[in-house]
Amino acid sequence: SLSYLKRFPIERIKIDRSFIADLPGSAESEAIVVAIIQMGRALRLSVTAEGVETEAQRELIAEQAENKTPR
């Protein structure tokens, strides 16, 4: 639940592997991943992507992590 971000002293959020597994190729999963990365940045939280298995997945996540503006 997103309410936990306000209630508990959270330092890191995790992107579930179910979203990572569909990358690249799923516009919906990519939108969710981008939103989580942007939310983490806005809240000054670390973001961990679980289940990265391909170079294409790693590159997409790294690109978004470095991107300062929304896609």
PDB file of N, CA and C in Angstrom:
ATOM      1  N   SER A   1       0.837  -1.182   0.000  1.00  0.00           N
ATOM      2  CA  SER A   1       0.000   0.000   0.000  1.00  0.00           C
ATOM      3  C   SER A   1       0.884   1.248   0.000  1.00  0.00           C
ATOM      4  N   LEU A   2       0.502   2.206  -0.789  1.00  0.00           N
ATOM      5  CA  LEU A   2       1.272   3.446  -0.851  1.00  0.00           C
ATOM      6  C   LEU A   2       1.209   4.233   0.450  1.00  0.00           C
ATOM      7  N   SER A   3       0.205   3.992   1.273  1.00  0.00           N
ATOM      8  CA  SER A   3       0.124   4.717   2.545  1.00  0.00           C
ATOM      9  C   SER A   3       1.299   4.381   3.460  1.00  0.00           C
ATOM     10  N   TYR A   4       1.920   3.225   3.270  1.00  0.00           N
ATOM     11  CA  TYR A   4       3.095   2.865   4.068  1.00  0.00           C
ATOM     12  C   TYR A   4       4.251   3.831   3.840  1.00  0.00           C
ATOM     13  N   LEU A   5       4.285   4.450   2.681  1.00  0.00           N
ATOM     14  CA  LEU A   5       5.360   5.402   2.394  1.00  0.00           C
ATOM     15  C   LEU A   5       5.328   6.587   3.348  1.00  0.00           C
ATOM     16  N   LYS A   6       4.158   6.899   3.861  1.00  0.00           N
ATOM     17  CA  LYS A   6       4.029   8.005   4.809  1.00  0.00           C
ATOM     18  C   LYS A   6       4.097   7.529   6.254  1.00  0.00           C
ATOM     19  N   ARG A   7       3.627   6.334   6.527  1.00  0.00           N
ATOM     20  CA  ARG A   7       3.510   5.859   7.906  1.00  0.00           C
ATOM     21  C   ARG A   7       4.784   5.297   8.497  1.00  0.00           C
ATOM     22  N   PHE A   8       5.628   4.720   7.679  1.00  0.00           N
ATOM     23  CA  PHE A   8       6.811   4.032   8.185  1.00  0.00           C
ATOM     24  C   PHE A   8       8.084   4.683   7.663  1.00  0.00           C
ATOM     25  N   PRO A   9       9.182   4.536   8.404  1.00  0.00           N
ATOM     26  CA  PRO A   9      10.460   5.138   7.967  1.00  0.00           C
ATOM     27  C   PRO A   9      11.102   4.299   6.857  1.00  0.00           C
ATOM     28  N   ILE A  10      10.564   4.403   5.680  1.00  0.00           N
ATOM     29  CA  ILE A  10      11.031   3.611   4.538  1.00  0.00           C
ATOM     30  C   ILE A  10      12.167   4.339   3.844  1.00  0.00           C
ATOM     31  N   GLU A  11      13.207   3.594   3.493  1.00  0.00           N
ATOM     32  CA  GLU A  11      14.350   4.170   2.790  1.00  0.00           C
ATOM     33  C   GLU A  11      14.459   3.656   1.358  1.00  0.00           C
ATOM     34  N   ARG A  12      13.739   2.568   1.051  1.00  0.00           N
ATOM     35  CA  ARG A  12      13.891   1.935  -0.257  1.00  0.00           C
ATOM     36  C   ARG A  12      12.554   1.359  -0.697  1.00  0.00           C
ATOM     37  N   ILE A  13      12.279   1.473  -2.012  1.00  0.00           N
ATOM     38  CA  ILE A  13      11.125   0.791  -2.572  1.00  0.00           C
ATOM     39  C   ILE A  13      11.614  -0.192  -3.622  1.00  0.00           C
ATOM     40  N   LYS A  14      10.860  -1.256  -3.814  1.00  0.00           N
ATOM     41  CA  LYS A  14      11.260  -2.325  -4.708  1.00  0.00           C
ATOM     42  C   LYS A  14      10.278  -2.422  -5.865  1.00  0.00           C
ATOM     43  N   ILE A  15      10.824  -2.561  -7.065  1.00  0.00           N
ATOM     44  CA  ILE A  15      10.001  -2.821  -8.239  1.00  0.00           C
ATOM     45  C   ILE A  15       9.886  -4.334  -8.356  1.00  0.00           C
ATOM     46  N   ASP A  16       8.674  -4.847  -8.296  1.00  0.00           N
ATOM     47  CA  ASP A  16       8.439  -6.278  -8.314  1.00  0.00           C
ATOM     48  C   ASP A  16       8.871  -6.894  -9.648  1.00  0.00           C
ATOM     49  N   ARG A  17       9.388  -8.103  -9.565  1.00  0.00           N
ATOM     50  CA  ARG A  17       9.880  -8.796 -10.759  1.00  0.00           C
ATOM     51  C   ARG A  17       8.802  -9.021 -11.806  1.00  0.00           C
ATOM     52  N   SER A  18       7.535  -9.030 -11.406  1.00  0.00           N
ATOM     53  CA  SER A  18       6.469  -9.228 -12.387  1.00  0.00           C
ATOM     54  C   SER A  18       6.416  -8.080 -13.395  1.00  0.00           C
ATOM     55  N   PHE A  19       6.821  -6.889 -12.995  1.00  0.00           N
ATOM     56  CA  PHE A  19       6.878  -5.763 -13.928  1.00  0.00           C
ATOM     57  C   PHE A  19       8.153  -5.814 -14.765  1.00  0.00           C
ATOM     58  N   ILE A  20       9.246  -6.236 -14.154  1.00  0.00           N
ATOM     59  CA  ILE A  20      10.534  -6.316 -14.843  1.00  0.00           C
ATOM     60  C   ILE A  20      10.512  -7.395 -15.917  1.00  0.00           C
ATOM     61  N   ALA A  21       9.853  -8.521 -15.628  1.00  0.00           N
ATOM     62  CA  ALA A  21       9.836  -9.659 -16.547  1.00  0.00           C
ATOM     63  C   ALA A  21       9.241  -9.300 -17.909  1.00  0.00           C
ATOM     64  N   ASP A  22       8.333  -8.339 -17.945  1.00  0.00           N
ATOM     65  CA  ASP A  22       7.671  -7.955 -19.196  1.00  0.00           C
ATOM     66  C   ASP A  22       8.437  -6.895 -19.984  1.00  0.00           C
ATOM     67  N   LEU A  23       9.600  -6.504 -19.477  1.00  0.00           N
ATOM     68  CA  LEU A  23      10.400  -5.476 -20.155  1.00  0.00           C
ATOM     69  C   LEU A  23      11.462  -6.118 -21.032  1.00  0.00           C
ATOM     70  N   PRO A  24      11.826  -5.478 -22.118  1.00  0.00           N
ATOM     71  CA  PRO A  24      11.046  -4.441 -22.791  1.00  0.00           C
ATOM     72  C   PRO A  24       9.886  -5.087 -23.535  1.00  0.00           C
ATOM     73  N   GLY A  25       8.950  -4.308 -23.957  1.00  0.00           N
ATOM     74  CA  GLY A  25       7.866  -4.823 -24.766  1.00  0.00           C
ATOM     75  C   GLY A  25       6.478  -4.585 -24.221  1.00  0.00           C
ATOM     76  N   SER A  26       6.346  -4.322 -22.933  1.00  0.00           N
ATOM     77  CA  SER A  26       5.035  -4.064 -22.350  1.00  0.00           C
ATOM     78  C   SER A  26       4.956  -2.589 -21.956  1.00  0.00           C
ATOM     79  N   ALA A  27       4.118  -1.860 -22.669  1.00  0.00           N
ATOM     80  CA  ALA A  27       3.965  -0.434 -22.371  1.00  0.00           C
ATOM     81  C   ALA A  27       3.437  -0.223 -20.956  1.00  0.00           C
ATOM     82  N   GLU A  28       2.550  -1.103 -20.514  1.00  0.00           N
ATOM     83  CA  GLU A  28       1.986  -0.977 -19.177  1.00  0.00           C
ATOM     84  C   GLU A  28       3.045  -1.193 -18.107  1.00  0.00           C
ATOM     85  N   SER A  29       3.849  -2.247 -18.246  1.00  0.00           N
ATOM     86  CA  SER A  29       4.905  -2.505 -17.264  1.00  0.00           C
ATOM     87  C   SER A  29       5.937  -1.393 -17.272  1.00  0.00           C
ATOM     88  N   GLU A  30       6.280  -0.905 -18.453  1.00  0.00           N
ATOM     89  CA  GLU A  30       7.248   0.182 -18.528  1.00  0.00           C
ATOM     90  C   GLU A  30       6.715   1.438 -17.845  1.00  0.00           C
ATOM     91  N   ALA A  31       5.436   1.742 -18.038  1.00  0.00           N
ATOM     92  CA  ALA A  31       4.845   2.921 -17.401  1.00  0.00           C
ATOM     93  C   ALA A  31       4.887   2.788 -15.882  1.00  0.00           C
ATOM     94  N   ILE A  32       4.620   1.588 -15.373  1.00  0.00           N
ATOM     95  CA  ILE A  32       4.651   1.373 -13.925  1.00  0.00           C
ATOM     96  C   ILE A  32       6.071   1.510 -13.396  1.00  0.00           C
ATOM     97  N   VAL A  33       7.034   0.925 -14.104  1.00  0.00           N
ATOM     98  CA  VAL A  33       8.431   1.015 -13.686  1.00  0.00           C
ATOM     99  C   VAL A  33       8.892   2.477 -13.668  1.00  0.00           C
ATOM    100  N   VAL A  34       8.572   3.210 -14.714  1.00  0.00           N
ATOM    101  CA  VAL A  34       8.952   4.623 -14.784  1.00  0.00           C
ATOM    102  C   VAL A  34       8.310   5.401 -13.632  1.00  0.00           C
ATOM    103  N   ALA A  35       7.038   5.134 -13.362  1.00  0.00           N
ATOM    104  CA  ALA A  35       6.339   5.839 -12.283  1.00  0.00           C
ATOM    105  C   ALA A  35       6.968   5.538 -10.921  1.00  0.00           C
ATOM    106  N   ILE A  36       7.344   4.287 -10.692  1.00  0.00           N
ATOM    107  CA  ILE A  36       7.965   3.927  -9.416  1.00  0.00           C
ATOM    108  C   ILE A  36       9.311   4.619  -9.268  1.00  0.00           C
ATOM    109  N   ILE A  37      10.100   4.640 -10.337  1.00  0.00           N
ATOM    110  CA  ILE A  37      11.405   5.307 -10.288  1.00  0.00           C
ATOM    111  C   ILE A  37      11.232   6.798 -10.016  1.00  0.00           C
ATOM    112  N   GLN A  38      10.280   7.429 -10.688  1.00  0.00           N
ATOM    113  CA  GLN A  38      10.041   8.858 -10.476  1.00  0.00           C
ATOM    114  C   GLN A  38       9.529   9.136  -9.068  1.00  0.00           C
ATOM    115  N   MET A  39       8.647   8.269  -8.555  1.00  0.00           N
ATOM    116  CA  MET A  39       8.147   8.442  -7.198  1.00  0.00           C
ATOM    117  C   MET A  39       9.286   8.296  -6.190  1.00  0.00           C
ATOM    118  N   GLY A  40      10.140   7.312  -6.404  1.00  0.00           N
ATOM    119  CA  GLY A  40      11.289   7.134  -5.527  1.00  0.00           C
ATOM    120  C   GLY A  40      12.180   8.356  -5.516  1.00  0.00           C
ATOM    121  N   ARG A  41      12.421   8.903  -6.692  1.00  0.00           N
ATOM    122  CA  ARG A  41      13.250  10.109  -6.783  1.00  0.00           C
ATOM    123  C   ARG A  41      12.595  11.273  -6.046  1.00  0.00           C
ATOM    124  N   ALA A  42      11.297  11.464  -6.249  1.00  0.00           N
ATOM    125  CA  ALA A  42      10.587  12.577  -5.615  1.00  0.00           C
ATOM    126  C   ALA A  42      10.579  12.452  -4.097  1.00  0.00           C
ATOM    127  N   LEU A  43      10.523  11.212  -3.603  1.00  0.00           N
ATOM    128  CA  LEU A  43      10.493  10.980  -2.157  1.00  0.00           C
ATOM    129  C   LEU A  43      11.882  10.763  -1.563  1.00  0.00           C
ATOM    130  N   ARG A  44      12.892  10.869  -2.413  1.00  0.00           N
ATOM    131  CA  ARG A  44      14.285  10.674  -1.996  1.00  0.00           C
ATOM    132  C   ARG A  44      14.501   9.280  -1.390  1.00  0.00           C
ATOM    133  N   LEU A  45      13.954   8.271  -2.084  1.00  0.00           N
ATOM    134  CA  LEU A  45      14.095   6.881  -1.669  1.00  0.00           C
ATOM    135  C   LEU A  45      14.951   6.133  -2.674  1.00  0.00           C
ATOM    136  N   SER A  46      15.657   5.125  -2.201  1.00  0.00           N
ATOM    137  CA  SER A  46      16.373   4.228  -3.106  1.00  0.00           C
ATOM    138  C   SER A  46      15.345   3.333  -3.775  1.00  0.00           C
ATOM    139  N   VAL A  47      15.634   2.953  -5.013  1.00  0.00           N
ATOM    140  CA  VAL A  47      14.745   2.064  -5.755  1.00  0.00           C
ATOM    141  C   VAL A  47      15.541   0.846  -6.194  1.00  0.00           C
ATOM    142  N   THR A  48      14.998  -0.337  -5.900  1.00  0.00           N
ATOM    143  CA  THR A  48      15.616  -1.596  -6.292  1.00  0.00           C
ATOM    144  C   THR A  48      14.696  -2.311  -7.268  1.00  0.00           C
ATOM    145  N   ALA A  49      15.257  -2.785  -8.368  1.00  0.00           N
ATOM    146  CA  ALA A  49      14.491  -3.564  -9.342  1.00  0.00           C
ATOM    147  C   ALA A  49      14.807  -5.039  -9.125  1.00  0.00           C
ATOM    148  N   GLU A  50      13.780  -5.808  -8.853  1.00  0.00           N
ATOM    149  CA  GLU A  50      13.946  -7.232  -8.564  1.00  0.00           C
ATOM    150  C   GLU A  50      13.802  -8.053  -9.848  1.00  0.00           C
ATOM    151  N   GLY A  51      14.696  -9.019 -10.033  1.00  0.00           N
ATOM    152  CA  GLY A  51      14.559  -9.962 -11.128  1.00  0.00           C
ATOM    153  C   GLY A  51      15.062  -9.495 -12.476  1.00  0.00           C
ATOM    154  N   VAL A  52      15.997  -8.571 -12.498  1.00  0.00           N
ATOM    155  CA  VAL A  52      16.580  -8.127 -13.763  1.00  0.00           C
ATOM    156  C   VAL A  52      17.439  -9.271 -14.313  1.00  0.00           C
ATOM    157  N   GLU A  53      17.087  -9.755 -15.510  1.00  0.00           N
ATOM    158  CA  GLU A  53      17.778 -10.908 -16.070  1.00  0.00           C
ATOM    159  C   GLU A  53      18.429 -10.652 -17.418  1.00  0.00           C
ATOM    160  N   THR A  54      18.051  -9.568 -18.086  1.00  0.00           N
ATOM    161  CA  THR A  54      18.619  -9.311 -19.406  1.00  0.00           C
ATOM    162  C   THR A  54      19.279  -7.944 -19.449  1.00  0.00           C
ATOM    163  N   GLU A  55      20.168  -7.793 -20.398  1.00  0.00           N
ATOM    164  CA  GLU A  55      20.831  -6.498 -20.593  1.00  0.00           C
ATOM    165  C   GLU A  55      19.819  -5.435 -21.003  1.00  0.00           C
ATOM    166  N   ALA A  56      18.830  -5.813 -21.802  1.00  0.00           N
ATOM    167  CA  ALA A  56      17.804  -4.859 -22.239  1.00  0.00           C
ATOM    168  C   ALA A  56      17.012  -4.329 -21.047  1.00  0.00           C
ATOM    169  N   GLN A  57      16.691  -5.191 -20.097  1.00  0.00           N
ATOM    170  CA  GLN A  57      15.989  -4.759 -18.887  1.00  0.00           C
ATOM    171  C   GLN A  57      16.863  -3.808 -18.085  1.00  0.00           C
ATOM    172  N   ARG A  58      18.126  -4.180 -17.902  1.00  0.00           N
ATOM    173  CA  ARG A  58      19.052  -3.347 -17.140  1.00  0.00           C
ATOM    174  C   ARG A  58      19.208  -1.976 -17.779  1.00  0.00           C
ATOM    175  N   GLU A  59      19.345  -1.943 -19.099  1.00  0.00           N
ATOM    176  CA  GLU A  59      19.517  -0.675 -19.801  1.00  0.00           C
ATOM    177  C   GLU A  59      18.292   0.224 -19.664  1.00  0.00           C
ATOM    178  N   LEU A  60      17.107  -0.358 -19.796  1.00  0.00           N
ATOM    179  CA  LEU A  60      15.889   0.434 -19.682  1.00  0.00           C
ATOM    180  C   LEU A  60      15.769   1.045 -18.287  1.00  0.00           C
ATOM    181  N   ILE A  61      16.036   0.250 -17.273  1.00  0.00           N
ATOM    182  CA  ILE A  61      15.954   0.738 -15.892  1.00  0.00           C
ATOM    183  C   ILE A  61      17.025   1.791 -15.630  1.00  0.00           C
ATOM    184  N   ALA A  62      18.239   1.547 -16.082  1.00  0.00           N
ATOM    185  CA  ALA A  62      19.322   2.508 -15.883  1.00  0.00           C
ATOM    186  C   ALA A  62      19.022   3.820 -16.590  1.00  0.00           C
ATOM    187  N   GLU A  63      18.475   3.735 -17.796  1.00  0.00           N
ATOM    188  CA  GLU A  63      18.104   4.948 -18.545  1.00  0.00           C
ATOM    189  C   GLU A  63      17.084   5.766 -17.761  1.00  0.00           C
ATOM    190  N   GLN A  64      16.099   5.107 -17.213  1.00  0.00           N
ATOM    191  CA  GLN A  64      15.072   5.804 -16.444  1.00  0.00           C
ATOM    192  C   GLN A  64      15.613   6.364 -15.143  1.00  0.00           C
ATOM    193  N   ALA A  65      16.502   5.630 -14.516  1.00  0.00           N
ATOM    194  CA  ALA A  65      17.101   6.088 -13.259  1.00  0.00           C
ATOM    195  C   ALA A  65      17.930   7.362 -13.474  1.00  0.00           C
ATOM    196  N   GLU A  66      18.528   7.477 -14.645  1.00  0.00           N
ATOM    197  CA  GLU A  66      19.347   8.655 -14.955  1.00  0.00           C
ATOM    198  C   GLU A  66      18.516   9.799 -15.518  1.00  0.00           C
ATOM    199  N   ASN A  67      17.338   9.490 -16.043  1.00  0.00           N
ATOM    200  CA  ASN A  67      16.479  10.481 -16.675  1.00  0.00           C
ATOM    201  C   ASN A  67      15.865  11.386 -15.615  1.00  0.00           C
ATOM    202  N   LYS A  68      16.023  12.667 -15.793  1.00  0.00           N
ATOM    203  CA  LYS A  68      15.504  13.633 -14.819  1.00  0.00           C
ATOM    204  C   LYS A  68      14.109  14.137 -15.179  1.00  0.00           C
ATOM    205  N   THR A  69      13.640  13.824 -16.370  1.00  0.00           N
ATOM    206  CA  THR A  69      12.324  14.280 -16.793  1.00  0.00           C
ATOM    207  C   THR A  69      11.462  13.076 -17.163  1.00  0.00           C
ATOM    208  N   PRO A  70      10.148  13.193 -16.995  1.00  0.00           N
ATOM    209  CA  PRO A  70       9.269  12.073 -17.365  1.00  0.00           C
ATOM    210  C   PRO A  70       9.339  11.778 -18.845  1.00  0.00           C
ATOM    211  N   ARG A  71       9.098  10.533 -19.184  1.00  0.00           N
ATOM    212  CA  ARG A  71       9.086  10.103 -20.586  1.00  0.00           C
ATOM    213  C   ARG A  71       7.885  10.588 -21.310  1.00  0.00           C
TER     214      ARG A  71
END
